[in-house]
């Protein structure tokens, strides 16, 4: 877990806060059980209900509230540490060139390290400090029980280390399986029309079923390991508590050399001791699972940049052009049903270019070549200057983070500027309804947004980025009328100020385009569409 710990070292204040919260939590555990022992002794042995008993009850209530408060502060520190580390990791990976599915890495894999910081690290502090404080206390109250606990306690981490190592390997295999499955599914979906034409749907269905089944089986292996780990931890904990109870019972009933209050306090502290270590065992399982994810992240960070950029900077190109394709050819490996041959295109600067063609014709492939996500087999693609390119996808991804972080993509922006952008995309009312405004957590497990609101967030990202070139990929698909009109207005607004490239079928989006590129049967042509009244025929 060295790599996971490395990312958290720059936030030492949060770790110090965890330590202090855990130390105060351990003291409340001791006081809670001491006063609980006194209360039980007073009621069962002394059989007295004087004012002192009511005072002890009041103290016990205060201690219980403090215990809950310190435990919450410990967990809150873990959550804050997790969000900060995930933000750092995403920023580091954002510009990384990789052959892996970057969407999977930035979403599923980065979220996979969350349990280490939110659950495991806070539990490490609690499970280290609480048992130590209990052992020290028992050496003053009843030292034989402390010795028994010190002898039996090491068996718990021994078992969860064995199971945790197995979980780490399984988690890594699971995420690699998901990464492969995601890439295969995306590629096959894009070529769905071609697959139907060549009667390859049955083979494709079988391939997807095989990949999804493999991912399911690996997930079940992790659950199996978790259940076995939990069973062994429960068994060892119960065995340790039983030995302590036997020793205390013999000393109390047979030898009569301990008082009832000492015996009951010891018996109350024993479960606290073993539960603290057992909870670490359960958290260790998730921690080792996170280790599998961080290994994938580190592998991506350490990947050699084998892919050479196919983009060239050519400031001498025609004054009206901003992007040029020069004899570009491309084909997918192991696919004979699709290819581009000798494409020559000119994208005009400060113009609105529409890319049209049937589904599966290669429009998205053309855009990926333009973005350097795919490299041509031959030919070259030139930019007039280094370009900042914005992209509005069909399915925007929302991170499990604050609304502010989702809009800024974890970069630093002035908050007032962000609020102005949110107002432009019509999200001001939504922000005012959220409990913490733009700092409200959204995404999976938090505040949920509608499809239109998610699309507006992605549009806000574009406005903040202020790109030189804006690409809209089917921007109005599946939207309500109000959001669709907002997107159409934004497209037209960008078209007056930026270079805009649009993939769409809706006439409302395309009718203001000034240039048209048709993709059909692997061929790409610039065409002039007949227009009547501003509407494409």
Protein backbone atom coordinates (compact mmCIF):
# COMPACT_ATOMS: atom_id res chain seq x y z
CA UNK A 1 0.00 0.00 0.00
CA UNK A 2 3.06 2.21 -0.33
CA UNK A 3 1.74 3.96 -3.46
CA UNK A 4 -1.66 4.69 -1.87
CA UNK A 5 0.03 6.13 1.20
CA UNK A 6 2.35 8.24 -0.98
CA UNK A 7 -0.56 10.21 -2.42
CA UNK A 8 -1.84 11.06 1.06
CA UNK A 9 1.48 12.30 2.50
CA UNK A 10 1.00 15.85 1.24
CA UNK A 11 -2.11 16.12 3.41
CA UNK A 12 -0.45 15.49 6.77
CA UNK A 13 -2.80 17.88 8.58
CA UNK A 14 -5.75 15.62 7.82
CA UNK A 15 -3.79 12.61 9.07
CA UNK A 16 -2.87 14.45 12.28
CA UNK A 17 -6.54 15.30 12.69
CA UNK A 18 -7.41 11.59 12.25
CA UNK A 19 -4.86 10.69 14.93
CA UNK A 20 -6.24 13.21 17.44
CA UNK A 21 -9.84 12.18 16.73
CA UNK A 22 -8.89 8.52 17.20
CA UNK A 23 -7.01 9.25 20.44
CA UNK A 24 -9.98 11.12 21.90
CA UNK A 25 -12.27 8.34 20.63
CA UNK A 26 -10.19 5.73 22.48
CA UNK A 27 -10.47 7.72 25.72
CA UNK A 28 -14.26 7.86 25.37
CA UNK A 29 -14.28 4.06 24.87
CA UNK A 30 -12.40 3.61 28.16
CA UNK A 31 -14.60 6.04 30.10
CA UNK A 32 -17.77 4.60 28.61
CA UNK A 33 -17.01 1.06 29.76
CA UNK A 34 -15.63 2.08 33.17
CA UNK A 35 -18.76 4.06 34.01
CA UNK A 36 -20.99 1.37 32.51
CA UNK A 37 -19.26 -1.16 34.81
CA UNK A 38 -19.78 1.11 37.80
CA UNK A 39 -23.47 1.56 36.96
CA UNK A 40 -24.04 -2.20 36.58
CA UNK A 41 -22.19 -2.87 39.86
CA UNK A 42 -24.22 -0.20 41.65
CA UNK A 43 -27.53 -1.63 40.40
CA UNK A 44 -26.86 -5.39 40.69
CA UNK A 45 -24.41 -5.75 43.58
CA UNK A 46 -24.82 -2.69 45.79
CA UNK A 47 -28.51 -2.43 44.78
CA UNK A 48 -28.51 1.30 45.47
CA UNK A 49 -29.99 4.14 43.44
CA UNK A 50 -28.49 7.24 45.08
CA UNK A 51 -27.61 10.56 43.45
CA UNK A 52 -24.19 9.24 42.44
CA UNK A 53 -25.84 6.69 40.12
CA UNK A 54 -27.74 9.43 38.30
CA UNK A 55 -24.51 11.42 37.97
CA UNK A 56 -22.79 8.39 36.41
CA UNK A 57 -25.70 7.96 34.00
CA UNK A 58 -25.39 11.61 32.95
CA UNK A 59 -21.62 11.21 32.47
CA UNK A 60 -22.21 8.03 30.44
CA UNK A 61 -24.65 9.89 28.16
CA UNK A 62 -22.12 12.69 27.56
CA UNK A 63 -19.35 10.15 26.85
CA UNK A 64 -21.57 8.30 24.34
CA UNK A 65 -22.29 11.56 22.50
CA UNK A 66 -18.59 12.44 22.47
CA UNK A 67 -17.74 8.98 21.17
CA UNK A 68 -20.16 9.38 18.27
CA UNK A 69 -18.79 12.87 17.56
CA UNK A 70 -15.12 11.83 17.52
CA UNK A 71 -15.93 8.82 15.35
CA UNK A 72 -17.72 11.11 12.87
CA UNK A 73 -14.76 13.51 12.78
CA UNK A 74 -12.43 10.61 12.05
CA UNK A 75 -14.60 9.44 9.14
CA UNK A 76 -15.04 13.01 7.86
CA UNK A 77 -11.26 13.41 7.70
CA UNK A 78 -11.06 10.24 5.63
CA UNK A 79 -13.70 11.49 3.20
CA UNK A 80 -11.96 14.84 2.74
CA UNK A 81 -8.62 13.10 2.22
CA UNK A 82 -10.19 10.79 -0.38
CA UNK A 83 -11.67 13.67 -2.41
CA UNK A 84 -8.37 15.56 -2.38
CA UNK A 85 -6.32 12.54 -3.44
CA UNK A 86 -8.78 11.55 -6.21
CA UNK A 87 -8.64 15.09 -7.52
CA UNK A 88 -4.82 14.98 -7.62
CA UNK A 89 -4.82 11.59 -9.35
CA UNK A 90 -7.34 12.71 -11.99
CA UNK A 91 -5.37 15.87 -12.69
CA UNK A 92 -2.24 13.78 -13.16
CA UNK A 93 -3.99 11.33 -15.50
CA UNK A 94 -6.01 13.90 -17.46
CA UNK A 95 -3.29 14.67 -20.02
CA UNK A 96 -1.75 11.21 -19.96
CA UNK A 97 -1.60 9.45 -23.31
CA UNK A 98 -2.53 5.78 -22.98
CA UNK A 99 -3.83 2.83 -24.94
CA UNK A 100 -6.24 2.02 -22.14
CA UNK A 101 -9.82 3.27 -21.93
CA UNK A 102 -9.25 6.66 -20.32
CA UNK A 103 -12.92 7.00 -19.33
CA UNK A 104 -12.70 3.75 -17.35
CA UNK A 105 -9.45 4.85 -15.69
CA UNK A 106 -10.73 8.31 -14.72
CA UNK A 107 -14.04 6.99 -13.41
CA UNK A 108 -14.13 3.38 -12.21
CA UNK A 109 -10.43 2.96 -11.39
CA UNK A 110 -9.96 6.31 -9.64
CA UNK A 111 -13.17 5.74 -7.66
CA UNK A 112 -11.73 2.34 -6.72
CA UNK A 113 -9.08 3.95 -4.49
CA UNK A 114 -11.78 5.84 -2.55
CA UNK A 115 -12.32 3.10 0.13
CA UNK A 116 -8.64 3.17 1.14
CA UNK A 117 -8.78 6.81 2.21
CA UNK A 118 -12.40 6.92 3.36
CA UNK A 119 -12.55 3.61 5.27
CA UNK A 120 -9.19 1.90 5.65
CA UNK A 121 -6.90 4.78 6.68
CA UNK A 122 -9.25 6.17 9.38
CA UNK A 123 -9.74 2.61 10.64
CA UNK A 124 -5.96 2.13 10.85
CA UNK A 125 -5.76 5.01 13.31
CA UNK A 126 -8.71 3.72 15.33
CA UNK A 127 -7.57 0.09 15.31
CA UNK A 128 -4.06 1.06 16.37
CA UNK A 129 -4.82 3.56 19.10
CA UNK A 130 -7.95 2.01 20.71
CA UNK A 131 -6.38 -1.45 21.39
CA UNK A 132 -3.18 0.15 22.75
CA UNK A 133 -5.15 2.37 25.13
CA UNK A 134 -7.30 -0.61 26.22
CA UNK A 135 -4.20 -2.76 26.89
CA UNK A 136 -2.59 0.04 28.94
CA UNK A 137 -5.82 0.50 30.92
CA UNK A 138 -6.21 -3.24 31.60
CA UNK A 139 -2.64 -3.48 32.94
CA UNK A 140 -3.86 -1.19 35.73
CA UNK A 141 -7.25 -2.91 36.14
CA UNK A 142 -6.66 -6.62 35.45
CA UNK A 143 -3.29 -7.47 33.87
CA UNK A 144 -3.91 -11.21 33.04
CA UNK A 145 -6.68 -10.18 30.59
CA UNK A 146 -4.25 -7.76 28.93
CA UNK A 147 -1.70 -10.56 28.48
CA UNK A 148 -4.35 -12.87 26.93
CA UNK A 149 -5.36 -10.15 24.49
CA UNK A 150 -1.74 -9.48 23.50
CA UNK A 151 -1.22 -13.20 22.75
CA UNK A 152 -4.44 -13.79 20.77
CA UNK A 153 -4.64 -10.45 18.90
CA UNK A 154 -1.87 -11.15 16.31
CA UNK A 155 -3.87 -14.02 14.83
CA UNK A 156 -6.48 -11.57 13.49
CA UNK A 157 -4.12 -9.50 11.24
CA UNK A 158 -2.42 -12.74 10.17
CA UNK A 159 -5.64 -14.06 8.65
CA UNK A 160 -6.77 -10.81 7.06
CA UNK A 161 -3.34 -10.25 5.47
CA UNK A 162 -3.63 -13.65 3.77
CA UNK A 163 -7.15 -12.92 2.51
CA UNK A 164 -6.30 -9.30 1.68
CA UNK A 165 -3.42 -10.25 -0.62
CA UNK A 166 -5.73 -12.57 -2.51
CA UNK A 167 -8.35 -9.80 -2.76
CA UNK A 168 -5.77 -7.37 -4.17
CA UNK A 169 -4.87 -9.70 -7.02
CA UNK A 170 -8.53 -10.47 -7.77
CA UNK A 171 -9.41 -6.74 -7.78
CA UNK A 172 -6.66 -6.00 -10.29
CA UNK A 173 -7.85 -8.84 -12.54
CA UNK A 174 -11.43 -7.55 -12.20
CA UNK A 175 -10.56 -4.01 -13.30
CA UNK A 176 -8.43 -5.24 -16.19
CA UNK A 177 -11.40 -7.37 -17.27
CA UNK A 178 -13.69 -4.33 -17.03
CA UNK A 179 -11.20 -2.22 -18.98
CA UNK A 180 -11.08 -4.79 -21.80
CA UNK A 181 -14.85 -5.26 -21.73
CA UNK A 182 -15.46 -1.49 -21.94
CA UNK A 183 -13.10 -1.08 -24.90
CA UNK A 184 -14.58 -4.06 -26.75
CA UNK A 185 -18.15 -2.95 -26.11
CA UNK A 186 -17.51 0.60 -27.36
CA UNK A 187 -15.77 -0.64 -30.52
CA UNK A 188 -18.48 -3.19 -31.29
CA UNK A 189 -21.28 -0.70 -30.66
CA UNK A 190 -19.78 1.80 -33.08
CA UNK A 191 -19.62 -0.86 -35.79
CA UNK A 192 -23.09 -2.24 -35.10
CA UNK A 193 -24.51 -1.33 -38.51
CA UNK A 194 -21.59 -2.92 -40.33
CA UNK A 195 -21.86 -6.04 -38.18
CA UNK A 196 -25.51 -6.40 -39.15
CA UNK A 197 -24.71 -5.97 -42.82
CA UNK A 198 -22.10 -8.74 -42.69
CA UNK A 199 -24.22 -11.05 -40.49
CA UNK A 200 -21.74 -10.98 -37.61
CA UNK A 201 -24.22 -10.12 -34.84
CA UNK A 202 -24.39 -13.66 -33.38
CA UNK A 203 -20.62 -13.93 -33.04
CA UNK A 204 -20.49 -10.44 -31.55
CA UNK A 205 -23.23 -11.26 -29.02
CA UNK A 206 -21.32 -14.37 -27.98
CA UNK A 207 -18.12 -12.36 -27.56
CA UNK A 208 -19.82 -9.72 -25.38
CA UNK A 209 -21.49 -12.46 -23.30
CA UNK A 210 -18.13 -14.14 -22.73
CA UNK A 211 -16.47 -10.88 -21.63
CA UNK A 212 -19.34 -9.89 -19.31
CA UNK A 213 -19.44 -13.38 -17.78
CA UNK A 214 -15.71 -13.23 -17.09
CA UNK A 215 -16.14 -9.89 -15.32
CA UNK A 216 -19.06 -11.29 -13.30
CA UNK A 217 -17.07 -14.34 -12.21
CA UNK A 218 -14.14 -12.21 -11.04
CA UNK A 219 -16.55 -9.99 -9.05
CA UNK A 220 -18.04 -13.07 -7.37
CA UNK A 221 -14.52 -14.28 -6.47
CA UNK A 222 -13.91 -11.00 -4.62
CA UNK A 223 -17.22 -11.37 -2.74
CA UNK A 224 -16.35 -14.96 -1.85
CA UNK A 225 -13.01 -13.82 -0.44
CA UNK A 226 -14.76 -11.11 1.59
CA UNK A 227 -17.23 -13.58 3.11
CA UNK A 228 -14.48 -16.05 4.04
CA UNK A 229 -12.40 -13.25 5.55
CA UNK A 230 -15.37 -12.05 7.64
CA UNK A 231 -16.10 -15.57 8.89
CA UNK A 232 -12.53 -16.15 10.08
CA UNK A 233 -12.36 -12.75 11.78
CA UNK A 234 -15.59 -13.42 13.67
CA UNK A 235 -14.33 -16.84 14.77
CA UNK A 236 -11.00 -15.56 16.11
CA UNK A 237 -12.64 -12.60 17.86
CA UNK A 238 -15.20 -14.81 19.59
CA UNK A 239 -12.45 -17.22 20.64
CA UNK A 240 -10.38 -14.41 22.18
CA UNK A 241 -13.37 -12.93 24.03
CA UNK A 242 -14.27 -16.43 25.27
CA UNK A 243 -10.79 -17.02 26.72
CA UNK A 244 -10.87 -13.64 28.51
CA UNK A 245 -14.38 -14.39 29.85
CA UNK A 246 -13.24 -17.83 31.11
CA UNK A 247 -10.24 -16.36 32.94
CA UNK A 248 -12.28 -13.55 34.51
CA UNK A 249 -15.10 -15.94 35.47
CA UNK A 250 -12.71 -18.35 37.22
CA UNK A 251 -11.01 -15.51 39.11
CA UNK A 252 -14.37 -14.06 40.15
CA UNK A 253 -16.38 -17.19 41.02
CA UNK A 254 -13.78 -19.82 41.95
CA UNK A 255 -10.79 -17.94 43.33
CA UNK A 256 -12.64 -14.79 44.51
CA UNK A 257 -9.60 -12.55 43.92
CA UNK A 258 -11.22 -9.91 41.65
CA UNK A 259 -14.14 -7.63 42.39
CA UNK A 260 -17.34 -7.64 40.37
CA UNK A 261 -16.73 -4.13 39.00
CA UNK A 262 -13.24 -5.15 37.77
CA UNK A 263 -14.65 -8.30 36.17
CA UNK A 264 -17.53 -6.54 34.40
CA UNK A 265 -15.28 -3.69 33.19
CA UNK A 266 -12.78 -6.21 31.78
CA UNK A 267 -15.56 -8.13 30.04
CA UNK A 268 -16.88 -4.89 28.54
CA UNK A 269 -13.46 -3.82 27.27
CA UNK A 270 -12.62 -7.20 25.69
CA UNK A 271 -15.17 -6.92 22.82
CA UNK A 272 -14.08 -3.31 22.24
CA UNK A 273 -10.48 -4.54 21.87
CA UNK A 274 -11.23 -7.37 19.45
CA UNK A 275 -13.85 -5.40 17.48
CA UNK A 276 -11.36 -2.60 16.82
CA UNK A 277 -8.87 -5.08 15.34
CA UNK A 278 -11.61 -7.00 13.53
CA UNK A 279 -12.91 -3.78 11.95
CA UNK A 280 -9.39 -3.16 10.66
CA UNK A 281 -9.49 -6.61 9.11
CA UNK A 282 -12.68 -5.78 7.24
CA UNK A 283 -11.28 -2.40 6.19
CA UNK A 284 -8.03 -4.12 5.17
CA UNK A 285 -10.02 -6.14 2.64
CA UNK A 286 -11.23 -2.94 0.93
CA UNK A 287 -7.75 -1.44 1.30
CA UNK A 288 -6.17 -4.32 -0.61
CA UNK A 289 -8.90 -3.97 -3.23
CA UNK A 290 -7.90 -0.32 -3.62
CA UNK A 291 -4.30 -1.47 -3.98
CA UNK A 292 -5.33 -3.37 -7.10
CA UNK A 293 -6.70 -0.11 -8.55
CA UNK A 294 -3.65 1.98 -7.66
CA UNK A 295 -1.41 -0.54 -9.41
CA UNK A 296 -3.36 0.06 -12.62
CA UNK A 297 -3.01 3.84 -12.13
CA UNK A 298 0.73 3.54 -11.53
CA UNK A 299 1.10 1.29 -14.58
CA UNK A 300 -0.63 3.99 -16.63
CA UNK A 301 1.64 6.68 -15.13
CA UNK A 302 4.72 4.63 -15.95
CA UNK A 303 3.70 3.73 -19.48
CA UNK A 304 6.20 4.87 -22.08
CA UNK A 305 4.78 7.29 -24.57
CA UNK A 306 4.96 4.90 -27.49
CA UNK A 307 2.21 6.63 -29.40
CA UNK A 308 3.58 9.46 -31.51
CA UNK A 309 1.34 12.42 -32.16
CA UNK A 310 -0.01 12.45 -35.71
CA UNK A 311 -0.77 16.17 -35.40
CA UNK A 312 1.58 18.65 -37.01
CA UNK A 313 1.64 22.43 -36.63
CA UNK A 314 1.65 24.22 -39.96
CA UNK A 315 1.32 28.02 -39.59
CA UNK A 316 1.73 28.40 -43.37
CA UNK A 317 -1.54 26.75 -44.32
CA UNK A 318 -4.24 28.75 -46.10
CA UNK A 319 -5.41 31.73 -44.05
CA UNK A 320 -9.00 30.46 -44.05
CA UNK A 321 -8.10 26.95 -42.83
CA UNK A 322 -7.43 25.88 -39.27
CA UNK A 323 -7.25 22.05 -39.65
CA UNK A 324 -6.17 20.01 -42.67
CA UNK A 325 -6.26 16.28 -43.49
CA UNK A 326 -3.60 15.39 -46.08
CA UNK A 327 -3.97 11.96 -47.74
CA UNK A 328 -5.03 10.38 -44.44
CA UNK A 329 -5.77 6.63 -44.42
CA UNK A 330 -7.00 4.66 -41.43
CA UNK A 331 -8.39 1.21 -40.59
CA UNK A 332 -9.13 -0.64 -37.34
CA UNK A 333 -7.09 -3.74 -36.51
CA UNK A 334 -8.92 -7.02 -37.18
CA UNK A 335 -11.72 -5.23 -39.02
CA UNK A 336 -12.03 -5.57 -42.77
CA UNK A 337 -15.45 -3.91 -43.02
CA UNK A 338 -14.30 -0.31 -42.47
CA UNK A 339 -11.46 1.93 -43.60
CA UNK A 340 -10.66 5.47 -44.74
CA UNK A 341 -8.43 5.93 -47.78
CA UNK A 342 -6.63 9.13 -48.80
CA UNK A 343 -8.84 11.67 -47.03
CA UNK A 344 -8.21 15.31 -47.93
CA UNK A 345 -10.16 17.86 -45.89
CA UNK A 346 -9.96 21.51 -44.92
CA UNK A 347 -11.74 22.78 -41.80
CA UNK A 348 -12.31 26.51 -42.07
CA UNK A 349 -11.43 28.78 -39.19
CA UNK A 350 -14.32 30.57 -37.43
CA UNK A 351 -16.84 28.56 -39.41
CA UNK A 352 -19.55 26.00 -38.59
CA UNK A 353 -18.77 22.65 -40.22
CA UNK A 354 -21.40 19.91 -40.13
CA UNK A 355 -20.37 16.25 -40.47
CA UNK A 356 -23.25 14.21 -41.82
CA UNK A 357 -23.79 10.61 -42.82
CA UNK A 358 -25.64 7.45 -41.72
CA UNK A 359 -24.99 5.74 -38.38
CA UNK A 360 -21.82 3.65 -38.42
CA UNK A 361 -20.38 5.45 -41.44
CA UNK A 362 -17.32 6.68 -39.52
CA UNK A 363 -18.22 10.19 -38.33
CA UNK A 364 -16.95 9.56 -34.79
CA UNK A 365 -13.79 7.91 -36.17
CA UNK A 366 -13.12 11.04 -38.19
CA UNK A 367 -13.44 13.15 -35.05
CA UNK A 368 -11.09 10.82 -33.12
CA UNK A 369 -8.50 11.22 -35.84
CA UNK A 370 -8.89 14.98 -35.59
CA UNK A 371 -8.46 14.81 -31.79
CA UNK A 372 -5.39 12.55 -32.10
CA UNK A 373 -7.17 9.78 -30.18
CA UNK A 374 -6.53 7.60 -33.23
CA UNK A 375 -3.44 7.71 -35.43
CA UNK A 376 -3.67 7.45 -39.23
CA UNK A 377 -1.94 4.60 -41.04
CA UNK A 378 -0.51 7.11 -43.46
CA UNK A 379 -0.86 10.78 -44.26
CA UNK A 380 -0.88 13.58 -41.71
CA UNK A 381 -3.23 15.96 -39.92
CA UNK A 382 -2.16 19.57 -39.45
CA UNK A 383 -3.26 22.38 -37.14
CA UNK A 384 -2.63 25.98 -38.03
CA UNK A 385 -1.53 26.57 -34.42
CA UNK A 386 -1.67 24.66 -31.10
CA UNK A 387 -5.40 24.31 -30.47
CA UNK A 388 -7.52 24.08 -27.37
CA UNK A 389 -10.38 21.79 -28.37
CA UNK A 390 -13.65 21.38 -26.47
CA UNK A 391 -15.91 18.35 -26.87
CA UNK A 392 -19.61 17.95 -26.02
CA UNK A 393 -20.39 14.22 -26.03
CA UNK A 394 -23.69 12.38 -26.28
CA UNK A 395 -23.35 10.91 -22.78
CA UNK A 396 -21.66 13.27 -20.31
CA UNK A 397 -19.98 11.66 -17.31
CA UNK A 398 -20.69 13.02 -13.83
CA UNK A 399 -18.03 12.35 -11.19
CA UNK A 400 -18.89 11.54 -7.57
CA UNK A 401 -17.67 14.96 -6.49
CA UNK A 402 -19.02 18.44 -5.87
CA UNK A 403 -20.96 20.33 -8.54
CA UNK A 404 -18.10 22.86 -8.63
CA UNK A 405 -15.51 20.13 -9.27
CA UNK A 406 -17.69 18.55 -11.95
CA UNK A 407 -17.93 21.83 -13.83
CA UNK A 408 -14.27 22.85 -13.41
CA UNK A 409 -13.01 19.27 -14.02
CA UNK A 410 -10.92 19.64 -10.82
CA UNK A 411 -9.06 22.68 -12.14
CA UNK A 412 -8.81 26.09 -10.45
CA UNK A 413 -11.33 28.72 -11.56
CA UNK A 414 -12.73 31.82 -9.89
CA UNK A 415 -15.97 30.84 -8.17
CA UNK A 416 -17.83 33.91 -9.42
CA UNK A 417 -16.86 33.02 -12.98
CA UNK A 418 -18.20 29.50 -12.44
CA UNK A 419 -21.50 30.88 -11.11
CA UNK A 420 -21.82 33.14 -14.16
CA UNK A 421 -21.29 30.16 -16.47
CA UNK A 422 -23.88 28.12 -14.56
CA UNK A 423 -26.30 31.00 -15.02
CA UNK A 424 -25.63 31.00 -18.78
CA UNK A 425 -26.55 27.30 -19.04
CA UNK A 426 -29.68 27.71 -16.91
CA UNK A 427 -28.52 25.93 -13.75
CA UNK A 428 -28.78 28.82 -11.30
CA UNK A 429 -32.18 27.69 -10.02
CA UNK A 430 -30.91 24.12 -9.58
CA UNK A 431 -27.87 25.35 -7.65
CA UNK A 432 -30.09 27.40 -5.32
CA UNK A 433 -32.11 24.26 -4.53
CA UNK A 434 -29.05 22.26 -3.48
CA UNK A 435 -28.22 22.11 0.23
CA UNK A 436 -24.64 23.40 -0.17
CA UNK A 437 -24.97 25.23 -3.48
CA UNK A 438 -22.15 24.54 -5.92
CA UNK A 439 -20.29 22.63 -3.19
CA UNK A 440 -23.05 19.99 -2.99
CA UNK A 441 -21.88 16.46 -3.76
CA UNK A 442 -23.47 15.04 -6.91
CA UNK A 443 -23.16 11.83 -8.87
CA UNK A 444 -23.53 8.20 -7.91
CA UNK A 445 -24.46 7.93 -4.21
CA UNK A 446 -25.18 11.65 -3.83
CA UNK A 447 -27.54 14.22 -5.35
CA UNK A 448 -28.83 12.90 -8.67
CA UNK A 449 -29.30 15.05 -11.77
CA UNK A 450 -31.53 14.64 -14.80
CA UNK A 451 -30.11 13.94 -18.25
CA UNK A 452 -30.72 17.53 -19.30
CA UNK A 453 -28.95 18.88 -16.20
CA UNK A 454 -25.95 16.64 -16.84
CA UNK A 455 -25.76 17.91 -20.42
CA UNK A 456 -25.90 21.50 -19.11
CA UNK A 457 -22.99 20.74 -16.78
CA UNK A 458 -20.95 19.51 -19.74
CA UNK A 459 -21.88 22.66 -21.66
CA UNK A 460 -20.70 24.71 -18.66
CA UNK A 461 -17.37 22.86 -18.87
CA UNK A 462 -17.07 24.03 -22.47
CA UNK A 463 -17.82 27.64 -21.57
CA UNK A 464 -15.17 27.58 -18.84
CA UNK A 465 -12.60 26.00 -21.15
CA UNK A 466 -13.15 28.71 -23.80
CA UNK A 467 -11.73 26.50 -26.59
CA UNK A 468 -10.50 27.47 -30.05
CA UNK A 469 -12.44 24.61 -31.65
CA UNK A 470 -15.72 23.19 -30.35
CA UNK A 471 -16.97 19.73 -31.34
CA UNK A 472 -20.61 18.79 -30.76
CA UNK A 473 -21.38 15.07 -31.07
CA UNK A 474 -25.16 14.62 -31.54
CA UNK A 475 -25.68 17.44 -29.01
CA UNK A 476 -29.49 17.27 -28.77
CA UNK A 477 -29.97 13.49 -28.50
CA UNK A 478 -32.53 12.52 -25.83
CA UNK A 479 -33.04 16.03 -24.45
CA UNK A 480 -36.16 17.88 -23.39
CA UNK A 481 -37.29 20.79 -25.58
CA UNK A 482 -35.94 23.48 -23.25
CA UNK A 483 -32.47 21.94 -22.95
CA UNK A 484 -32.40 21.16 -26.67
CA UNK A 485 -33.09 24.81 -27.49
CA UNK A 486 -30.34 25.86 -25.08
CA UNK A 487 -27.87 23.56 -26.84
CA UNK A 488 -28.95 24.81 -30.28
CA UNK A 489 -28.52 28.42 -29.14
CA UNK A 490 -25.09 27.57 -27.73
CA UNK A 491 -24.04 25.92 -30.98
CA UNK A 492 -25.07 29.02 -32.90
CA UNK A 493 -23.37 31.30 -30.37
CA UNK A 494 -20.11 29.37 -30.64
CA UNK A 495 -20.43 29.42 -34.42
CA UNK A 496 -20.20 33.22 -34.40
CA UNK A 497 -17.06 33.24 -32.22
CA UNK A 498 -15.24 29.90 -32.67
CA UNK A 499 -14.56 27.12 -35.10
CA UNK A 500 -17.46 24.68 -34.64
CA UNK A 501 -17.70 21.08 -35.83
CA UNK A 502 -21.06 19.35 -35.39
CA UNK A 503 -22.14 15.74 -35.80
CA UNK A 504 -25.93 15.78 -35.88
CA UNK A 505 -29.06 14.79 -37.73
CA UNK A 506 -31.42 17.45 -36.36
CA UNK A 507 -32.10 20.23 -38.83
CA UNK A 508 -32.33 22.79 -36.03
CA UNK A 509 -28.66 22.18 -35.24
CA UNK A 510 -27.37 21.93 -38.80
CA UNK A 511 -29.32 24.66 -40.58
CA UNK A 512 -26.80 27.39 -39.72
CA UNK A 513 -23.75 25.38 -40.82
CA UNK A 514 -21.58 27.03 -43.46
CA UNK A 515 -19.70 23.91 -44.59
CA UNK A 516 -20.71 20.27 -44.88
CA UNK A 517 -18.66 17.07 -44.82
CA UNK A 518 -20.35 13.84 -45.83
CA UNK A 519 -19.07 10.47 -44.59
CA UNK A 520 -20.40 7.54 -46.59
CA UNK A 521 -19.05 4.03 -47.26
CA UNK A 522 -15.55 4.90 -46.03
CA UNK A 523 -15.35 7.99 -48.23
CA UNK A 524 -15.24 11.56 -46.99
CA UNK A 525 -16.22 14.52 -49.17
CA UNK A 526 -16.84 18.23 -48.70
CA UNK A 527 -20.25 18.96 -50.25
CA UNK A 528 -22.64 21.84 -50.84
CA UNK A 529 -26.14 20.96 -49.65
CA UNK A 530 -29.10 22.67 -51.31
CA UNK A 531 -30.87 24.83 -48.78
CA UNK A 532 -34.25 26.48 -48.77
CA UNK A 533 -35.17 29.04 -46.19
CA UNK A 534 -32.21 28.09 -44.07
CA UNK A 535 -33.36 24.46 -43.70
CA UNK A 536 -31.40 21.51 -45.04
CA UNK A 537 -33.23 19.53 -47.70
